[in-house]
Amino acid sequence: MAAVAIYIVAESRAAGKPMALARVEDRQAVLNAAEAAIAEAEARAEAADGLLAQLQRGEVEQLRRSLQLVIPELRLRASSLAAVM
């Protein structure tokens, strides 16, 4: 399994480049961050219109598939949510 971590990054406008402040490897934190990233991408796609909305929905699915490849728990949680609905 791939090592997956979250980086906490500060972006300074003055310096013009991001600076990594911390690395978090906790699996639950990584899972929560992945779910949040998907939810935010879905919200952007919902807010868009026309062609842009279609493109963004495609990007949401690509993001979901990519994250599920490196975070198996995300795949398991998605299938258990689908079974409940």
N, C-alpha and C. Protein backbone atom coordinates (compact mmCIF):
# COMPACT_ATOMS: atom_id res chain seq x y z
N MET A 1 0.84 -1.17 0.00
CA MET A 1 0.00 0.00 0.00
C MET A 1 0.89 1.24 0.00
N ALA A 2 0.47 2.24 -0.73
CA ALA A 2 1.22 3.48 -0.81
C ALA A 2 1.16 4.24 0.51
N ALA A 3 2.23 4.94 0.82
CA ALA A 3 2.24 5.82 1.98
C ALA A 3 1.50 7.09 1.58
N VAL A 4 0.47 7.42 2.33
CA VAL A 4 -0.34 8.59 2.02
C VAL A 4 -0.30 9.50 3.24
N ALA A 5 -0.08 10.79 3.00
CA ALA A 5 0.00 11.75 4.09
C ALA A 5 -0.62 13.06 3.64
N ILE A 6 -0.93 13.89 4.61
CA ILE A 6 -1.43 15.24 4.36
C ILE A 6 -0.31 16.20 4.73
N TYR A 7 -0.08 17.16 3.88
CA TYR A 7 0.87 18.22 4.21
C TYR A 7 0.10 19.48 4.55
N ILE A 8 0.48 20.11 5.65
CA ILE A 8 -0.07 21.41 6.00
C ILE A 8 0.89 22.44 5.43
N VAL A 9 0.36 23.29 4.57
CA VAL A 9 1.20 24.21 3.80
C VAL A 9 0.76 25.65 4.05
N ALA A 10 1.72 26.51 4.26
CA ALA A 10 1.46 27.95 4.36
C ALA A 10 1.86 28.57 3.03
N GLU A 11 0.98 29.40 2.50
CA GLU A 11 1.28 30.06 1.23
C GLU A 11 1.42 31.55 1.49
N SER A 12 2.61 32.03 1.34
CA SER A 12 2.89 33.44 1.56
C SER A 12 2.85 34.18 0.24
N ARG A 13 2.06 35.22 0.18
CA ARG A 13 2.01 36.02 -1.04
C ARG A 13 3.31 36.78 -1.24
N ALA A 14 3.91 37.20 -0.12
CA ALA A 14 5.16 37.96 -0.21
C ALA A 14 6.30 37.10 -0.74
N ALA A 15 6.41 35.87 -0.23
CA ALA A 15 7.49 34.98 -0.65
C ALA A 15 7.21 34.37 -2.02
N GLY A 16 5.93 34.25 -2.35
CA GLY A 16 5.57 33.74 -3.66
C GLY A 16 5.63 32.24 -3.82
N LYS A 17 5.88 31.51 -2.75
CA LYS A 17 5.88 30.05 -2.87
C LYS A 17 5.40 29.42 -1.57
N PRO A 18 4.82 28.21 -1.67
CA PRO A 18 4.32 27.54 -0.47
C PRO A 18 5.45 26.96 0.38
N MET A 19 5.18 26.84 1.68
CA MET A 19 6.15 26.26 2.60
C MET A 19 5.44 25.18 3.42
N ALA A 20 5.94 23.95 3.35
CA ALA A 20 5.36 22.85 4.12
C ALA A 20 5.68 23.05 5.60
N LEU A 21 4.64 23.00 6.43
CA LEU A 21 4.82 23.19 7.87
C LEU A 21 4.77 21.88 8.64
N ALA A 22 3.95 20.94 8.16
CA ALA A 22 3.79 19.68 8.89
C ALA A 22 3.32 18.59 7.94
N ARG A 23 3.56 17.35 8.35
CA ARG A 23 3.10 16.18 7.61
C ARG A 23 2.28 15.33 8.58
N VAL A 24 1.08 14.94 8.16
CA VAL A 24 0.19 14.13 8.99
C VAL A 24 -0.04 12.80 8.28
N GLU A 25 0.24 11.70 8.97
CA GLU A 25 0.10 10.37 8.37
C GLU A 25 -1.05 9.57 8.97
N ASP A 26 -1.75 10.13 9.94
CA ASP A 26 -2.87 9.43 10.57
C ASP A 26 -3.90 9.03 9.51
N ARG A 27 -4.22 7.73 9.43
CA ARG A 27 -5.11 7.23 8.37
C ARG A 27 -6.49 7.86 8.42
N GLN A 28 -7.04 8.07 9.63
CA GLN A 28 -8.36 8.67 9.73
C GLN A 28 -8.33 10.12 9.24
N ALA A 29 -7.28 10.84 9.59
CA ALA A 29 -7.15 12.23 9.13
C ALA A 29 -7.02 12.28 7.60
N VAL A 30 -6.26 11.36 7.04
CA VAL A 30 -6.10 11.29 5.59
C VAL A 30 -7.44 10.96 4.93
N LEU A 31 -8.16 10.01 5.49
CA LEU A 31 -9.47 9.64 4.96
C LEU A 31 -10.44 10.82 5.02
N ASN A 32 -10.46 11.52 6.14
CA ASN A 32 -11.33 12.69 6.28
C ASN A 32 -10.97 13.77 5.26
N ALA A 33 -9.67 14.00 5.07
CA ALA A 33 -9.23 15.01 4.10
C ALA A 33 -9.61 14.62 2.68
N ALA A 34 -9.50 13.35 2.35
CA ALA A 34 -9.88 12.87 1.01
C ALA A 34 -11.37 13.08 0.78
N GLU A 35 -12.17 12.74 1.78
CA GLU A 35 -13.62 12.93 1.65
C GLU A 35 -13.96 14.42 1.52
N ALA A 36 -13.26 15.26 2.26
CA ALA A 36 -13.49 16.71 2.17
C ALA A 36 -13.10 17.23 0.79
N ALA A 37 -12.00 16.74 0.24
CA ALA A 37 -11.57 17.17 -1.10
C ALA A 37 -12.61 16.79 -2.15
N ILE A 38 -13.16 15.60 -2.04
CA ILE A 38 -14.20 15.16 -2.98
C ILE A 38 -15.45 16.01 -2.82
N ALA A 39 -15.86 16.26 -1.57
CA ALA A 39 -17.06 17.07 -1.32
C ALA A 39 -16.90 18.49 -1.86
N GLU A 40 -15.73 19.08 -1.68
CA GLU A 40 -15.48 20.43 -2.19
C GLU A 40 -15.51 20.45 -3.72
N ALA A 41 -14.92 19.43 -4.34
CA ALA A 41 -14.93 19.36 -5.80
C ALA A 41 -16.35 19.17 -6.31
N GLU A 42 -17.16 18.36 -5.62
CA GLU A 42 -18.56 18.17 -6.01
C GLU A 42 -19.34 19.48 -5.89
N ALA A 43 -19.09 20.25 -4.83
CA ALA A 43 -19.77 21.53 -4.63
C ALA A 43 -19.42 22.51 -5.75
N ARG A 44 -18.15 22.54 -6.16
CA ARG A 44 -17.75 23.42 -7.27
C ARG A 44 -18.45 23.01 -8.56
N ALA A 45 -18.55 21.69 -8.79
CA ALA A 45 -19.21 21.20 -10.00
C ALA A 45 -20.70 21.54 -9.98
N GLU A 46 -21.33 21.44 -8.82
CA GLU A 46 -22.75 21.77 -8.70
C GLU A 46 -23.00 23.26 -8.94
N ALA A 47 -22.06 24.09 -8.54
CA ALA A 47 -22.22 25.54 -8.68
C ALA A 47 -21.97 26.03 -10.10
N ALA A 48 -21.31 25.21 -10.90
CA ALA A 48 -20.97 25.60 -12.26
C ALA A 48 -22.14 25.36 -13.21
N ASP A 49 -22.06 25.94 -14.39
CA ASP A 49 -23.10 25.80 -15.41
C ASP A 49 -22.54 25.19 -16.68
N GLY A 50 -23.40 24.52 -17.42
CA GLY A 50 -23.09 24.06 -18.76
C GLY A 50 -21.87 23.18 -18.89
N LEU A 51 -21.05 23.53 -19.86
CA LEU A 51 -19.86 22.74 -20.18
C LEU A 51 -18.90 22.69 -19.00
N LEU A 52 -18.74 23.80 -18.31
CA LEU A 52 -17.84 23.83 -17.15
C LEU A 52 -18.30 22.82 -16.09
N ALA A 53 -19.60 22.73 -15.87
CA ALA A 53 -20.13 21.77 -14.90
C ALA A 53 -19.81 20.34 -15.32
N GLN A 54 -19.96 20.04 -16.60
CA GLN A 54 -19.66 18.69 -17.11
C GLN A 54 -18.18 18.36 -16.92
N LEU A 55 -17.32 19.32 -17.24
CA LEU A 55 -15.88 19.10 -17.09
C LEU A 55 -15.53 18.88 -15.62
N GLN A 56 -16.11 19.67 -14.76
CA GLN A 56 -15.80 19.55 -13.34
C GLN A 56 -16.33 18.24 -12.75
N ARG A 57 -17.50 17.77 -13.22
CA ARG A 57 -18.00 16.47 -12.76
C ARG A 57 -17.04 15.35 -13.18
N GLY A 58 -16.48 15.47 -14.37
CA GLY A 58 -15.47 14.50 -14.80
C GLY A 58 -14.24 14.54 -13.92
N GLU A 59 -13.83 15.74 -13.53
CA GLU A 59 -12.68 15.89 -12.64
C GLU A 59 -12.97 15.32 -11.26
N VAL A 60 -14.22 15.46 -10.79
CA VAL A 60 -14.60 14.88 -9.50
C VAL A 60 -14.43 13.36 -9.55
N GLU A 61 -14.91 12.75 -10.62
CA GLU A 61 -14.80 11.29 -10.73
C GLU A 61 -13.34 10.85 -10.84
N GLN A 62 -12.54 11.61 -11.56
CA GLN A 62 -11.12 11.28 -11.66
C GLN A 62 -10.44 11.41 -10.30
N LEU A 63 -10.77 12.45 -9.56
CA LEU A 63 -10.23 12.63 -8.21
C LEU A 63 -10.65 11.48 -7.32
N ARG A 64 -11.93 11.11 -7.36
CA ARG A 64 -12.43 10.01 -6.53
C ARG A 64 -11.69 8.70 -6.84
N ARG A 65 -11.56 8.38 -8.12
CA ARG A 65 -10.87 7.14 -8.51
C ARG A 65 -9.41 7.16 -8.07
N SER A 66 -8.75 8.29 -8.26
CA SER A 66 -7.33 8.39 -7.87
C SER A 66 -7.16 8.20 -6.37
N LEU A 67 -8.01 8.87 -5.59
CA LEU A 67 -7.91 8.74 -4.13
C LEU A 67 -8.25 7.33 -3.67
N GLN A 68 -9.21 6.69 -4.31
CA GLN A 68 -9.57 5.33 -3.94
C GLN A 68 -8.45 4.34 -4.22
N LEU A 69 -7.62 4.64 -5.20
CA LEU A 69 -6.48 3.75 -5.49
C LEU A 69 -5.45 3.76 -4.37
N VAL A 70 -5.25 4.91 -3.75
CA VAL A 70 -4.21 5.00 -2.72
C VAL A 70 -4.77 4.95 -1.29
N ILE A 71 -6.10 5.07 -1.17
CA ILE A 71 -6.73 5.00 0.15
C ILE A 71 -7.87 3.99 0.07
N PRO A 72 -7.57 2.71 0.27
CA PRO A 72 -8.60 1.66 0.13
C PRO A 72 -9.82 1.89 1.04
N GLU A 73 -9.60 2.48 2.20
CA GLU A 73 -10.72 2.72 3.12
C GLU A 73 -11.77 3.63 2.49
N LEU A 74 -11.35 4.50 1.61
CA LEU A 74 -12.28 5.40 0.93
C LEU A 74 -13.22 4.60 0.04
N ARG A 75 -12.70 3.59 -0.62
CA ARG A 75 -13.51 2.71 -1.47
C ARG A 75 -14.51 1.94 -0.62
N LEU A 76 -14.06 1.43 0.53
CA LEU A 76 -14.93 0.67 1.41
C LEU A 76 -16.04 1.55 1.98
N ARG A 77 -15.69 2.76 2.38
CA ARG A 77 -16.69 3.67 2.94
C ARG A 77 -17.71 4.07 1.89
N ALA A 78 -17.26 4.30 0.66
CA ALA A 78 -18.18 4.68 -0.43
C ALA A 78 -19.16 3.55 -0.71
N SER A 79 -18.69 2.31 -0.70
CA SER A 79 -19.59 1.19 -0.99
C SER A 79 -20.57 0.96 0.15
N SER A 80 -20.15 1.20 1.39
CA SER A 80 -21.08 1.03 2.53
C SER A 80 -22.12 2.15 2.54
N LEU A 81 -21.76 3.37 2.10
CA LEU A 81 -22.73 4.46 2.00
C LEU A 81 -23.75 4.17 0.91
N ALA A 82 -23.30 3.61 -0.20
CA ALA A 82 -24.21 3.27 -1.30
C ALA A 82 -25.19 2.18 -0.87
N ALA A 83 -24.74 1.25 -0.05
CA ALA A 83 -25.61 0.17 0.42
C ALA A 83 -26.70 0.71 1.35
N VAL A 84 -26.40 1.75 2.11
CA VAL A 84 -27.36 2.33 3.04
C VAL A 84 -28.44 3.09 2.29
N MET A 85 -28.05 3.77 1.18
CA MET A 85 -29.00 4.58 0.42
C MET A 85 -29.83 3.70 -0.42
